[in-house]
Amino acid sequence: MKRFLAIFSLLLWSLAAFSASLTKSHSQGKFSDAEIEATIKAKLANSKIGKDGFQVHVKGQIATWTGSTGVMQHKGAATRMAKAAGAIQVVNNIKVSDQAKAKAAGNLSGTPRRAQVKTD
């Protein structure tokens, strides 16, 4: 019985150590470039920014975006998407149109917006 408990506790300890190392490797960005790129492309296909035709390539766990957009927020969304897919760094070379930049600047200038409060 003593021997069984020793083997059983050793087995539990080994399983816990393996689980901890697996969790640690994934949290430290140990996904392959192919896995990261495939995840980003799958997310891109199912998102609103997918219609912009962005290109993404991953090398050394660094995602590099290229393309152009007419919506200022799509550039930031692409960066967040790559990080969520496991990229440790993102190089965002997406160009934002002058029209989108002017629209965003216009939204920031002028009078402050009021918060919308729903009343019953």
PDB file of N, CA and C in Angstrom:
ATOM      1  N   MET A   1       0.824  -1.196   0.000  1.00  0.00           N
ATOM      2  CA  MET A   1       0.000   0.000   0.000  1.00  0.00           C
ATOM      3  C   MET A   1       0.869   1.262   0.000  1.00  0.00           C
ATOM      4  N   LYS A   2       1.947   1.228   0.791  1.00  0.00           N
ATOM      5  CA  LYS A   2       2.848   2.367   0.858  1.00  0.00           C
ATOM      6  C   LYS A   2       3.499   2.626  -0.507  1.00  0.00           C
ATOM      7  N   ARG A   3       3.869   1.544  -1.154  1.00  0.00           N
ATOM      8  CA  ARG A   3       4.503   1.656  -2.460  1.00  0.00           C
ATOM      9  C   ARG A   3       3.512   2.229  -3.482  1.00  0.00           C
ATOM     10  N   PHE A   4       2.271   1.778  -3.420  1.00  0.00           N
ATOM     11  CA  PHE A   4       1.227   2.283  -4.326  1.00  0.00           C
ATOM     12  C   PHE A   4       1.037   3.786  -4.128  1.00  0.00           C
ATOM     13  N   LEU A   5       0.982   4.247  -2.891  1.00  0.00           N
ATOM     14  CA  LEU A   5       0.820   5.675  -2.621  1.00  0.00           C
ATOM     15  C   LEU A   5       2.009   6.483  -3.127  1.00  0.00           C
ATOM     16  N   ALA A   6       3.212   5.928  -2.992  1.00  0.00           N
ATOM     17  CA  ALA A   6       4.405   6.624  -3.479  1.00  0.00           C
ATOM     18  C   ALA A   6       4.362   6.756  -4.996  1.00  0.00           C
ATOM     19  N   ILE A   7       3.996   5.694  -5.686  1.00  0.00           N
ATOM     20  CA  ILE A   7       3.902   5.722  -7.152  1.00  0.00           C
ATOM     21  C   ILE A   7       2.783   6.664  -7.583  1.00  0.00           C
ATOM     22  N   PHE A   8       1.656   6.592  -6.902  1.00  0.00           N
ATOM     23  CA  PHE A   8       0.515   7.438  -7.238  1.00  0.00           C
ATOM     24  C   PHE A   8       0.859   8.914  -7.042  1.00  0.00           C
ATOM     25  N   SER A   9       1.513   9.262  -5.938  1.00  0.00           N
ATOM     26  CA  SER A   9       1.884  10.659  -5.705  1.00  0.00           C
ATOM     27  C   SER A   9       2.934  11.123  -6.714  1.00  0.00           C
ATOM     28  N   LEU A  10       3.849  10.255  -7.106  1.00  0.00           N
ATOM     29  CA  LEU A  10       4.836  10.594  -8.130  1.00  0.00           C
ATOM     30  C   LEU A  10       4.146  10.845  -9.467  1.00  0.00           C
ATOM     31  N   LEU A  11       3.168  10.030  -9.784  1.00  0.00           N
ATOM     32  CA  LEU A  11       2.407  10.205 -11.016  1.00  0.00           C
ATOM     33  C   LEU A  11       1.642  11.527 -10.994  1.00  0.00           C
ATOM     34  N   LEU A  12       1.009  11.849  -9.899  1.00  0.00           N
ATOM     35  CA  LEU A  12       0.289  13.120  -9.779  1.00  0.00           C
ATOM     36  C   LEU A  12       1.239  14.304  -9.894  1.00  0.00           C
ATOM     37  N   TRP A  13       2.390  14.215  -9.264  1.00  0.00           N
ATOM     38  CA  TRP A  13       3.372  15.294  -9.336  1.00  0.00           C
ATOM     39  C   TRP A  13       3.853  15.483 -10.776  1.00  0.00           C
ATOM     40  N   SER A  14       4.125  14.388 -11.477  1.00  0.00           N
ATOM     41  CA  SER A  14       4.574  14.460 -12.874  1.00  0.00           C
ATOM     42  C   SER A  14       3.510  15.094 -13.756  1.00  0.00           C
ATOM     43  N   LEU A  15       2.274  14.702 -13.537  1.00  0.00           N
ATOM     44  CA  LEU A  15       1.169  15.262 -14.317  1.00  0.00           C
ATOM     45  C   LEU A  15       1.022  16.754 -14.048  1.00  0.00           C
ATOM     46  N   ALA A  16       1.148  17.173 -12.807  1.00  0.00           N
ATOM     47  CA  ALA A  16       1.051  18.600 -12.465  1.00  0.00           C
ATOM     48  C   ALA A  16       2.202  19.382 -13.084  1.00  0.00           C
ATOM     49  N   ALA A  17       3.400  18.824 -13.059  1.00  0.00           N
ATOM     50  CA  ALA A  17       4.565  19.504 -13.641  1.00  0.00           C
ATOM     51  C   ALA A  17       4.406  19.636 -15.150  1.00  0.00           C
ATOM     52  N   PHE A  18       3.928  18.592 -15.809  1.00  0.00           N
ATOM     53  CA  PHE A  18       3.715  18.644 -17.257  1.00  0.00           C
ATOM     54  C   PHE A  18       2.660  19.685 -17.599  1.00  0.00           C
ATOM     55  N   SER A  19       1.572  19.703 -16.847  1.00  0.00           N
ATOM     56  CA  SER A  19       0.502  20.672 -17.086  1.00  0.00           C
ATOM     57  C   SER A  19       1.000  22.097 -16.899  1.00  0.00           C
ATOM     58  N   ALA A  20       1.790  22.328 -15.873  1.00  0.00           N
ATOM     59  CA  ALA A  20       2.335  23.671 -15.618  1.00  0.00           C
ATOM     60  C   ALA A  20       3.275  24.096 -16.735  1.00  0.00           C
ATOM     61  N   SER A  21       4.108  23.193 -17.222  1.00  0.00           N
ATOM     62  CA  SER A  21       5.031  23.555 -18.296  1.00  0.00           C
ATOM     63  C   SER A  21       4.290  23.821 -19.590  1.00  0.00           C
ATOM     64  N   LEU A  22       3.226  23.073 -19.848  1.00  0.00           N
ATOM     65  CA  LEU A  22       2.419  23.296 -21.050  1.00  0.00           C
ATOM     66  C   LEU A  22       1.738  24.647 -20.980  1.00  0.00           C
ATOM     67  N   THR A  23       1.150  24.979 -19.848  1.00  0.00           N
ATOM     68  CA  THR A  23       0.494  26.272 -19.673  1.00  0.00           C
ATOM     69  C   THR A  23       1.509  27.397 -19.783  1.00  0.00           C
ATOM     70  N   LYS A  24       2.669  27.235 -19.190  1.00  0.00           N
ATOM     71  CA  LYS A  24       3.706  28.262 -19.229  1.00  0.00           C
ATOM     72  C   LYS A  24       4.185  28.505 -20.658  1.00  0.00           C
ATOM     73  N   SER A  25       4.383  27.440 -21.421  1.00  0.00           N
ATOM     74  CA  SER A  25       4.877  27.616 -22.790  1.00  0.00           C
ATOM     75  C   SER A  25       3.861  28.341 -23.650  1.00  0.00           C
ATOM     76  N   HIS A  26       2.581  28.060 -23.490  1.00  0.00           N
ATOM     77  CA  HIS A  26       1.565  28.754 -24.280  1.00  0.00           C
ATOM     78  C   HIS A  26       1.412  30.210 -23.848  1.00  0.00           C
ATOM     79  N   SER A  27       1.553  30.480 -22.567  1.00  0.00           N
ATOM     80  CA  SER A  27       1.414  31.860 -22.112  1.00  0.00           C
ATOM     81  C   SER A  27       2.624  32.713 -22.473  1.00  0.00           C
ATOM     82  N   GLN A  28       3.751  32.093 -22.762  1.00  0.00           N
ATOM     83  CA  GLN A  28       4.950  32.834 -23.124  1.00  0.00           C
ATOM     84  C   GLN A  28       5.132  32.917 -24.635  1.00  0.00           C
ATOM     85  N   GLY A  29       4.098  32.604 -25.395  1.00  0.00           N
ATOM     86  CA  GLY A  29       4.175  32.746 -26.831  1.00  0.00           C
ATOM     87  C   GLY A  29       4.932  31.627 -27.515  1.00  0.00           C
ATOM     88  N   LYS A  30       4.675  30.404 -27.149  1.00  0.00           N
ATOM     89  CA  LYS A  30       5.380  29.275 -27.731  1.00  0.00           C
ATOM     90  C   LYS A  30       4.584  28.640 -28.866  1.00  0.00           C
ATOM     91  N   PHE A  31       3.731  29.397 -29.519  1.00  0.00           N
ATOM     92  CA  PHE A  31       3.009  28.893 -30.676  1.00  0.00           C
ATOM     93  C   PHE A  31       3.917  29.007 -31.892  1.00  0.00           C
ATOM     94  N   SER A  32       3.760  28.113 -32.844  1.00  0.00           N
ATOM     95  CA  SER A  32       4.564  28.194 -34.058  1.00  0.00           C
ATOM     96  C   SER A  32       4.048  29.334 -34.934  1.00  0.00           C
ATOM     97  N   ASP A  33       4.899  29.790 -35.835  1.00  0.00           N
ATOM     98  CA  ASP A  33       4.501  30.859 -36.755  1.00  0.00           C
ATOM     99  C   ASP A  33       3.288  30.435 -37.574  1.00  0.00           C
ATOM    100  N   ALA A  34       3.283  29.184 -38.021  1.00  0.00           N
ATOM    101  CA  ALA A  34       2.161  28.688 -38.825  1.00  0.00           C
ATOM    102  C   ALA A  34       0.860  28.687 -38.031  1.00  0.00           C
ATOM    103  N   GLU A  35       0.931  28.295 -36.749  1.00  0.00           N
ATOM    104  CA  GLU A  35      -0.268  28.284 -35.901  1.00  0.00           C
ATOM    105  C   GLU A  35      -0.803  29.701 -35.705  1.00  0.00           C
ATOM    106  N   ILE A  36       0.092  30.632 -35.424  1.00  0.00           N
ATOM    107  CA  ILE A  36      -0.320  32.017 -35.206  1.00  0.00           C
ATOM    108  C   ILE A  36      -0.947  32.585 -36.475  1.00  0.00           C
ATOM    109  N   GLU A  37      -0.281  32.380 -37.604  1.00  0.00           N
ATOM    110  CA  GLU A  37      -0.787  32.920 -38.864  1.00  0.00           C
ATOM    111  C   GLU A  37      -2.140  32.306 -39.239  1.00  0.00           C
ATOM    112  N   ALA A  38      -2.287  31.014 -39.040  1.00  0.00           N
ATOM    113  CA  ALA A  38      -3.562  30.360 -39.338  1.00  0.00           C
ATOM    114  C   ALA A  38      -4.676  30.894 -38.441  1.00  0.00           C
ATOM    115  N   THR A  39      -4.370  31.116 -37.181  1.00  0.00           N
ATOM    116  CA  THR A  39      -5.366  31.649 -36.244  1.00  0.00           C
ATOM    117  C   THR A  39      -5.772  33.060 -36.639  1.00  0.00           C
ATOM    118  N   ILE A  40      -4.795  33.891 -37.002  1.00  0.00           N
ATOM    119  CA  ILE A  40      -5.098  35.262 -37.417  1.00  0.00           C
ATOM    120  C   ILE A  40      -5.977  35.252 -38.663  1.00  0.00           C
ATOM    121  N   LYS A  41      -5.611  34.430 -39.644  1.00  0.00           N
ATOM    122  CA  LYS A  41      -6.372  34.387 -40.894  1.00  0.00           C
ATOM    123  C   LYS A  41      -7.794  33.883 -40.676  1.00  0.00           C
ATOM    124  N   ALA A  42      -7.971  32.940 -39.753  1.00  0.00           N
ATOM    125  CA  ALA A  42      -9.320  32.460 -39.432  1.00  0.00           C
ATOM    126  C   ALA A  42     -10.141  33.563 -38.772  1.00  0.00           C
ATOM    127  N   LYS A  43      -9.522  34.284 -37.848  1.00  0.00           N
ATOM    128  CA  LYS A  43     -10.216  35.399 -37.196  1.00  0.00           C
ATOM    129  C   LYS A  43     -10.545  36.491 -38.211  1.00  0.00           C
ATOM    130  N   LEU A  44      -9.610  36.756 -39.123  1.00  0.00           N
ATOM    131  CA  LEU A  44      -9.797  37.791 -40.132  1.00  0.00           C
ATOM    132  C   LEU A  44     -10.970  37.453 -41.052  1.00  0.00           C
ATOM    133  N   ALA A  45     -11.076  36.191 -41.422  1.00  0.00           N
ATOM    134  CA  ALA A  45     -12.150  35.769 -42.313  1.00  0.00           C
ATOM    135  C   ALA A  45     -13.533  35.955 -41.688  1.00  0.00           C
ATOM    136  N   ASN A  46     -13.601  35.897 -40.365  1.00  0.00           N
ATOM    137  CA  ASN A  46     -14.884  36.013 -39.667  1.00  0.00           C
ATOM    138  C   ASN A  46     -15.122  37.394 -39.071  1.00  0.00           C
ATOM    139  N   SER A  47     -14.321  38.383 -39.465  1.00  0.00           N
ATOM    140  CA  SER A  47     -14.451  39.702 -38.842  1.00  0.00           C
ATOM    141  C   SER A  47     -14.888  40.755 -39.846  1.00  0.00           C
ATOM    142  N   LYS A  48     -15.267  41.902 -39.312  1.00  0.00           N
ATOM    143  CA  LYS A  48     -15.668  43.031 -40.155  1.00  0.00           C
ATOM    144  C   LYS A  48     -14.496  43.588 -40.949  1.00  0.00           C
ATOM    145  N   ILE A  49     -13.286  43.452 -40.429  1.00  0.00           N
ATOM    146  CA  ILE A  49     -12.130  44.017 -41.129  1.00  0.00           C
ATOM    147  C   ILE A  49     -11.635  43.104 -42.246  1.00  0.00           C
ATOM    148  N   GLY A  50     -12.183  41.910 -42.348  1.00  0.00           N
ATOM    149  CA  GLY A  50     -11.766  40.969 -43.370  1.00  0.00           C
ATOM    150  C   GLY A  50     -11.982  41.479 -44.782  1.00  0.00           C
ATOM    151  N   LYS A  51     -12.975  42.331 -44.963  1.00  0.00           N
ATOM    152  CA  LYS A  51     -13.284  42.845 -46.310  1.00  0.00           C
ATOM    153  C   LYS A  51     -12.256  43.854 -46.802  1.00  0.00           C
ATOM    154  N   ASP A  52     -11.396  44.337 -45.913  1.00  0.00           N
ATOM    155  CA  ASP A  52     -10.367  45.304 -46.309  1.00  0.00           C
ATOM    156  C   ASP A  52      -9.234  44.670 -47.119  1.00  0.00           C
ATOM    157  N   GLY A  53      -9.144  43.351 -47.100  1.00  0.00           N
ATOM    158  CA  GLY A  53      -8.118  42.670 -47.876  1.00  0.00           C
ATOM    159  C   GLY A  53      -6.722  42.765 -47.305  1.00  0.00           C
ATOM    160  N   PHE A  54      -6.599  42.879 -45.999  1.00  0.00           N
ATOM    161  CA  PHE A  54      -5.293  42.946 -45.364  1.00  0.00           C
ATOM    162  C   PHE A  54      -4.523  41.652 -45.588  1.00  0.00           C
ATOM    163  N   GLN A  55      -3.214  41.769 -45.587  1.00  0.00           N
ATOM    164  CA  GLN A  55      -2.332  40.608 -45.647  1.00  0.00           C
ATOM    165  C   GLN A  55      -1.565  40.544 -44.327  1.00  0.00           C
ATOM    166  N   VAL A  56      -1.345  39.335 -43.839  1.00  0.00           N
ATOM    167  CA  VAL A  56      -0.571  39.157 -42.612  1.00  0.00           C
ATOM    168  C   VAL A  56       0.408  38.017 -42.816  1.00  0.00           C
ATOM    169  N   HIS A  57       1.614  38.213 -42.315  1.00  0.00           N
ATOM    170  CA  HIS A  57       2.653  37.183 -42.346  1.00  0.00           C
ATOM    171  C   HIS A  57       3.290  37.136 -40.968  1.00  0.00           C
ATOM    172  N   VAL A  58       3.631  35.931 -40.533  1.00  0.00           N
ATOM    173  CA  VAL A  58       4.220  35.756 -39.210  1.00  0.00           C
ATOM    174  C   VAL A  58       5.581  35.088 -39.360  1.00  0.00           C
ATOM    175  N   LYS A  59       6.575  35.701 -38.735  1.00  0.00           N
ATOM    176  CA  LYS A  59       7.918  35.129 -38.712  1.00  0.00           C
ATOM    177  C   LYS A  59       8.535  35.447 -37.358  1.00  0.00           C
ATOM    178  N   GLY A  60       9.020  34.424 -36.697  1.00  0.00           N
ATOM    179  CA  GLY A  60       9.610  34.620 -35.372  1.00  0.00           C
ATOM    180  C   GLY A  60       8.575  35.094 -34.360  1.00  0.00           C
ATOM    181  N   GLN A  61       7.341  34.653 -34.537  1.00  0.00           N
ATOM    182  CA  GLN A  61       6.197  35.017 -33.693  1.00  0.00           C
ATOM    183  C   GLN A  61       5.866  36.501 -33.765  1.00  0.00           C
ATOM    184  N   ILE A  62       6.371  37.179 -34.804  1.00  0.00           N
ATOM    185  CA  ILE A  62       6.069  38.591 -35.042  1.00  0.00           C
ATOM    186  C   ILE A  62       5.146  38.678 -36.250  1.00  0.00           C
ATOM    187  N   ALA A  63       3.958  39.214 -36.039  1.00  0.00           N
ATOM    188  CA  ALA A  63       2.973  39.358 -37.114  1.00  0.00           C
ATOM    189  C   ALA A  63       3.186  40.695 -37.806  1.00  0.00           C
ATOM    190  N   THR A  64       3.240  40.673 -39.138  1.00  0.00           N
ATOM    191  CA  THR A  64       3.385  41.890 -39.926  1.00  0.00           C
ATOM    192  C   THR A  64       2.178  42.053 -40.820  1.00  0.00           C
ATOM    193  N   TRP A  65       1.473  43.161 -40.642  1.00  0.00           N
ATOM    194  CA  TRP A  65       0.280  43.480 -41.425  1.00  0.00           C
ATOM    195  C   TRP A  65       0.632  44.440 -42.555  1.00  0.00           C
ATOM    196  N   THR A  66       0.006  44.233 -43.717  1.00  0.00           N
ATOM    197  CA  THR A  66       0.099  45.177 -44.826  1.00  0.00           C
ATOM    198  C   THR A  66      -1.291  45.347 -45.422  1.00  0.00           C
ATOM    199  N   GLY A  67      -1.496  46.459 -46.096  1.00  0.00           N
ATOM    200  CA  GLY A  67      -2.778  46.739 -46.736  1.00  0.00           C
ATOM    201  C   GLY A  67      -3.184  48.173 -46.498  1.00  0.00           C
ATOM    202  N   SER A  68      -4.416  48.477 -46.848  1.00  0.00           N
ATOM    203  CA  SER A  68      -4.936  49.821 -46.631  1.00  0.00           C
ATOM    204  C   SER A  68      -6.401  49.732 -46.245  1.00  0.00           C
ATOM    205  N   THR A  69      -6.870  50.800 -45.589  1.00  0.00           N
ATOM    206  CA  THR A  69      -8.251  50.823 -45.117  1.00  0.00           C
ATOM    207  C   THR A  69      -8.802  52.241 -45.144  1.00  0.00           C
ATOM    208  N   GLY A  70     -10.108  52.323 -45.207  1.00  0.00           N
ATOM    209  CA  GLY A  70     -10.794  53.605 -45.130  1.00  0.00           C
ATOM    210  C   GLY A  70     -11.448  53.808 -43.770  1.00  0.00           C
ATOM    211  N   VAL A  71     -11.147  52.927 -42.826  1.00  0.00           N
ATOM    212  CA  VAL A  71     -11.712  53.018 -41.473  1.00  0.00           C
ATOM    213  C   VAL A  71     -10.572  53.011 -40.469  1.00  0.00           C
ATOM    214  N   MET A  72     -10.419  54.101 -39.765  1.00  0.00           N
ATOM    215  CA  MET A  72      -9.308  54.280 -38.825  1.00  0.00           C
ATOM    216  C   MET A  72      -9.215  53.138 -37.795  1.00  0.00           C
ATOM    217  N   GLN A  73     -10.341  52.695 -37.281  1.00  0.00           N
ATOM    218  CA  GLN A  73     -10.360  51.691 -36.217  1.00  0.00           C
ATOM    219  C   GLN A  73      -9.900  50.314 -36.687  1.00  0.00           C
ATOM    220  N   HIS A  74      -9.938  50.054 -37.987  1.00  0.00           N
ATOM    221  CA  HIS A  74      -9.550  48.733 -38.483  1.00  0.00           C
ATOM    222  C   HIS A  74      -8.065  48.457 -38.283  1.00  0.00           C
ATOM    223  N   LYS A  75      -7.249  49.491 -38.304  1.00  0.00           N
ATOM    224  CA  LYS A  75      -5.808  49.309 -38.082  1.00  0.00           C
ATOM    225  C   LYS A  75      -5.561  48.781 -36.666  1.00  0.00           C
ATOM    226  N   GLY A  76      -6.181  49.387 -35.691  1.00  0.00           N
ATOM    227  CA  GLY A  76      -6.030  48.937 -34.301  1.00  0.00           C
ATOM    228  C   GLY A  76      -6.623  47.557 -34.074  1.00  0.00           C
ATOM    229  N   ALA A  77      -7.740  47.285 -34.747  1.00  0.00           N
ATOM    230  CA  ALA A  77      -8.375  45.975 -34.613  1.00  0.00           C
ATOM    231  C   ALA A  77      -7.446  44.870 -35.125  1.00  0.00           C
ATOM    232  N   ALA A  78      -6.708  45.154 -36.186  1.00  0.00           N
ATOM    233  CA  ALA A  78      -5.776  44.166 -36.733  1.00  0.00           C
ATOM    234  C   ALA A  78      -4.666  43.858 -35.726  1.00  0.00           C
ATOM    235  N   THR A  79      -4.149  44.881 -35.077  1.00  0.00           N
ATOM    236  CA  THR A  79      -3.110  44.669 -34.067  1.00  0.00           C
ATOM    237  C   THR A  79      -3.641  43.817 -32.921  1.00  0.00           C
ATOM    238  N   ARG A  80      -4.818  44.159 -32.424  1.00  0.00           N
ATOM    239  CA  ARG A  80      -5.411  43.391 -31.318  1.00  0.00           C
ATOM    240  C   ARG A  80      -5.666  41.944 -31.731  1.00  0.00           C
ATOM    241  N   MET A  81      -6.100  41.749 -32.966  1.00  0.00           N
ATOM    242  CA  MET A  81      -6.380  40.406 -33.465  1.00  0.00           C
ATOM    243  C   MET A  81      -5.113  39.550 -33.468  1.00  0.00           C
ATOM    244  N   ALA A  82      -4.004  40.116 -33.926  1.00  0.00           N
ATOM    245  CA  ALA A  82      -2.748  39.369 -33.980  1.00  0.00           C
ATOM    246  C   ALA A  82      -2.252  39.013 -32.583  1.00  0.00           C
ATOM    247  N   LYS A  83      -2.359  39.949 -31.659  1.00  0.00           N
ATOM    248  CA  LYS A  83      -1.924  39.677 -30.277  1.00  0.00           C
ATOM    249  C   LYS A  83      -2.786  38.587 -29.649  1.00  0.00           C
ATOM    250  N   ALA A  84      -4.100  38.639 -29.903  1.00  0.00           N
ATOM    251  CA  ALA A  84      -5.004  37.636 -29.348  1.00  0.00           C
ATOM    252  C   ALA A  84      -4.720  36.246 -29.931  1.00  0.00           C
ATOM    253  N   ALA A  85      -4.160  36.204 -31.128  1.00  0.00           N
ATOM    254  CA  ALA A  85      -3.848  34.932 -31.777  1.00  0.00           C
ATOM    255  C   ALA A  85      -2.516  34.351 -31.314  1.00  0.00           C
ATOM    256  N   GLY A  86      -1.751  35.112 -30.518  1.00  0.00           N
ATOM    257  CA  GLY A  86      -0.514  34.590 -29.968  1.00  0.00           C
ATOM    258  C   GLY A  86       0.756  35.265 -30.439  1.00  0.00           C
ATOM    259  N   ALA A  87       0.648  36.285 -31.280  1.00  0.00           N
ATOM    260  CA  ALA A  87       1.847  37.001 -31.721  1.00  0.00           C
ATOM    261  C   ALA A  87       2.465  37.723 -30.524  1.00  0.00           C
ATOM    262  N   ILE A  88       3.791  37.664 -30.413  1.00  0.00           N
ATOM    263  CA  ILE A  88       4.453  38.345 -29.302  1.00  0.00           C
ATOM    264  C   ILE A  88       4.725  39.801 -29.630  1.00  0.00           C
ATOM    265  N   GLN A  89       4.701  40.131 -30.928  1.00  0.00           N
ATOM    266  CA  GLN A  89       4.896  41.510 -31.375  1.00  0.00           C
ATOM    267  C   GLN A  89       4.145  41.684 -32.687  1.00  0.00           C
ATOM    268  N   VAL A  90       3.719  42.920 -32.965  1.00  0.00           N
ATOM    269  CA  VAL A  90       2.985  43.207 -34.192  1.00  0.00           C
ATOM    270  C   VAL A  90       3.610  44.415 -34.883  1.00  0.00           C
ATOM    271  N   VAL A  91       3.893  44.258 -36.170  1.00  0.00           N
ATOM    272  CA  VAL A  91       4.345  45.365 -37.006  1.00  0.00           C
ATOM    273  C   VAL A  91       3.155  45.695 -37.904  1.00  0.00           C
ATOM    274  N   ASN A  92       2.546  46.846 -37.669  1.00  0.00           N
ATOM    275  CA  ASN A  92       1.326  47.200 -38.387  1.00  0.00           C
ATOM    276  C   ASN A  92       1.645  48.243 -39.451  1.00  0.00           C
ATOM    277  N   ASN A  93       1.755  47.784 -40.696  1.00  0.00           N
ATOM    278  CA  ASN A  93       2.041  48.661 -41.830  1.00  0.00           C
ATOM    279  C   ASN A  93       0.776  48.991 -42.620  1.00  0.00           C
ATOM    280  N   ILE A  94      -0.379  48.853 -42.005  1.00  0.00           N
ATOM    281  CA  ILE A  94      -1.635  49.166 -42.681  1.00  0.00           C
ATOM    282  C   ILE A  94      -1.737  50.676 -42.845  1.00  0.00           C
ATOM    283  N   LYS A  95      -2.015  51.095 -44.058  1.00  0.00           N
ATOM    284  CA  LYS A  95      -2.158  52.523 -44.373  1.00  0.00           C
ATOM    285  C   LYS A  95      -3.617  52.930 -44.208  1.00  0.00           C
ATOM    286  N   VAL A  96      -3.833  54.048 -43.520  1.00  0.00           N
ATOM    287  CA  VAL A  96      -5.175  54.589 -43.324  1.00  0.00           C
ATOM    288  C   VAL A  96      -5.362  55.734 -44.321  1.00  0.00           C
ATOM    289  N   SER A  97      -6.491  55.747 -45.017  1.00  0.00           N
ATOM    290  CA  SER A  97      -6.733  56.773 -46.032  1.00  0.00           C
ATOM    291  C   SER A  97      -6.790  58.165 -45.407  1.00  0.00           C
ATOM    292  N   ASP A  98      -6.453  59.157 -46.212  1.00  0.00           N
ATOM    293  CA  ASP A  98      -6.506  60.547 -45.736  1.00  0.00           C
ATOM    294  C   ASP A  98      -7.923  60.929 -45.331  1.00  0.00           C
ATOM    295  N   GLN A  99      -8.901  60.404 -46.050  1.00  0.00           N
ATOM    296  CA  GLN A  99     -10.304  60.695 -45.727  1.00  0.00           C
ATOM    297  C   GLN A  99     -10.660  60.158 -44.339  1.00  0.00           C
ATOM    298  N   ALA A 100     -10.202  58.948 -44.022  1.00  0.00           N
ATOM    299  CA  ALA A 100     -10.480  58.363 -42.709  1.00  0.00           C
ATOM    300  C   ALA A 100      -9.774  59.144 -41.601  1.00  0.00           C
ATOM    301  N   LYS A 101      -8.550  59.604 -41.885  1.00  0.00           N
ATOM    302  CA  LYS A 101      -7.817  60.408 -40.896  1.00  0.00           C
ATOM    303  C   LYS A 101      -8.531  61.725 -40.633  1.00  0.00           C
ATOM    304  N   ALA A 102      -9.030  62.355 -41.707  1.00  0.00           N
ATOM    305  CA  ALA A 102      -9.742  63.627 -41.557  1.00  0.00           C
ATOM    306  C   ALA A 102     -11.034  63.431 -40.770  1.00  0.00           C
ATOM    307  N   LYS A 103     -11.726  62.346 -41.043  1.00  0.00           N
ATOM    308  CA  LYS A 103     -12.973  62.063 -40.315  1.00  0.00           C
ATOM    309  C   LYS A 103     -12.696  61.852 -38.827  1.00  0.00           C
ATOM    310  N   ALA A 104     -11.633  61.103 -38.520  1.00  0.00           N
ATOM    311  CA  ALA A 104     -11.282  60.859 -37.117  1.00  0.00           C
ATOM    312  C   ALA A 104     -10.876  62.154 -36.429  1.00  0.00           C
ATOM    313  N   ALA A 105     -10.117  62.995 -37.130  1.00  0.00           N
ATOM    314  CA  ALA A 105      -9.712  64.278 -36.553  1.00  0.00           C
ATOM    315  C   ALA A 105     -10.927  65.162 -36.306  1.00  0.00           C
ATOM    316  N   GLY A 106     -11.876  65.134 -37.224  1.00  0.00           N
ATOM    317  CA  GLY A 106     -13.104  65.919 -37.062  1.00  0.00           C
ATOM    318  C   GLY A 106     -13.920  65.454 -35.866  1.00  0.00           C
ATOM    319  N   ASN A 107     -13.886  64.150 -35.600  1.00  0.00           N
ATOM    320  CA  ASN A 107     -14.610  63.609 -34.450  1.00  0.00           C
ATOM    321  C   ASN A 107     -13.978  64.045 -33.134  1.00  0.00           C
ATOM    322  N   LEU A 108     -12.682  64.329 -33.162  1.00  0.00           N
ATOM    323  CA  LEU A 108     -11.991  64.715 -31.923  1.00  0.00           C
ATOM    324  C   LEU A 108     -12.077  66.208 -31.637  1.00  0.00           C
ATOM    325  N   SER A 109     -12.276  67.002 -32.673  1.00  0.00           N
ATOM    326  CA  SER A 109     -12.324  68.443 -32.455  1.00  0.00           C
ATOM    327  C   SER A 109     -13.757  68.905 -32.228  1.00  0.00           C
ATOM    328  N   GLY A 110     -13.890  70.117 -31.778  1.00  0.00           N
ATOM    329  CA  GLY A 110     -15.230  70.669 -31.562  1.00  0.00           C
ATOM    330  C   GLY A 110     -15.731  70.422 -30.163  1.00  0.00           C
ATOM    331  N   THR A 111     -17.029  70.434 -30.035  1.00  0.00           N
ATOM    332  CA  THR A 111     -17.638  70.279 -28.717  1.00  0.00           C
ATOM    333  C   THR A 111     -17.595  68.819 -28.276  1.00  0.00           C
ATOM    334  N   PRO A 112     -17.453  68.625 -27.000  1.00  0.00           N
ATOM    335  CA  PRO A 112     -17.435  67.255 -26.497  1.00  0.00           C
ATOM    336  C   PRO A 112     -18.788  66.582 -26.725  1.00  0.00           C
ATOM    337  N   ARG A 113     -18.733  65.300 -26.930  1.00  0.00           N
ATOM    338  CA  ARG A 113     -19.975  64.549 -27.120  1.00  0.00           C
ATOM    339  C   ARG A 113     -20.648  64.342 -25.777  1.00  0.00           C
ATOM    340  N   ARG A 114     -21.944  64.280 -25.827  1.00  0.00           N
ATOM    341  CA  ARG A 114     -22.690  63.986 -24.617  1.00  0.00           C
ATOM    342  C   ARG A 114     -22.900  62.487 -24.495  1.00  0.00           C
ATOM    343  N   ALA A 115     -22.913  62.040 -23.283  1.00  0.00           N
ATOM    344  CA  ALA A 115     -23.202  60.622 -23.050  1.00  0.00           C
ATOM    345  C   ALA A 115     -24.696  60.405 -23.303  1.00  0.00           C
ATOM    346  N   GLN A 116     -24.989  59.317 -23.954  1.00  0.00           N
ATOM    347  CA  GLN A 116     -26.394  59.004 -24.204  1.00  0.00           C
ATOM    348  C   GLN A 116     -26.934  58.245 -22.998  1.00  0.00           C
ATOM    349  N   VAL A 117     -27.977  58.768 -22.433  1.00  0.00           N
ATOM    350  CA  VAL A 117     -28.591  58.160 -21.284  1.00  0.00           C
ATOM    351  C   VAL A 117     -29.992  57.749 -21.674  1.00  0.00           C
ATOM    352  N   LYS A 118     -30.287  56.488 -21.508  1.00  0.00           N
ATOM    353  CA  LYS A 118     -31.603  55.979 -21.858  1.00  0.00           C
ATOM    354  C   LYS A 118     -32.569  56.303 -20.738  1.00  0.00           C
ATOM    355  N   THR A 119     -33.663  56.941 -21.078  1.00  0.00           N
ATOM    356  CA  THR A 119     -34.692  57.230 -20.085  1.00  0.00           C
ATOM    357  C   THR A 119     -35.935  56.447 -20.423  1.00  0.00           C
ATOM    358  N   ASP A 120     -36.607  56.016 -19.400  1.00  0.00           N
ATOM    359  CA  ASP A 120     -37.823  55.215 -19.608  1.00  0.00           C
ATOM    360  C   ASP A 120     -39.032  56.062 -19.729  1.00  0.00           C
TER     361      ASP A 120
END
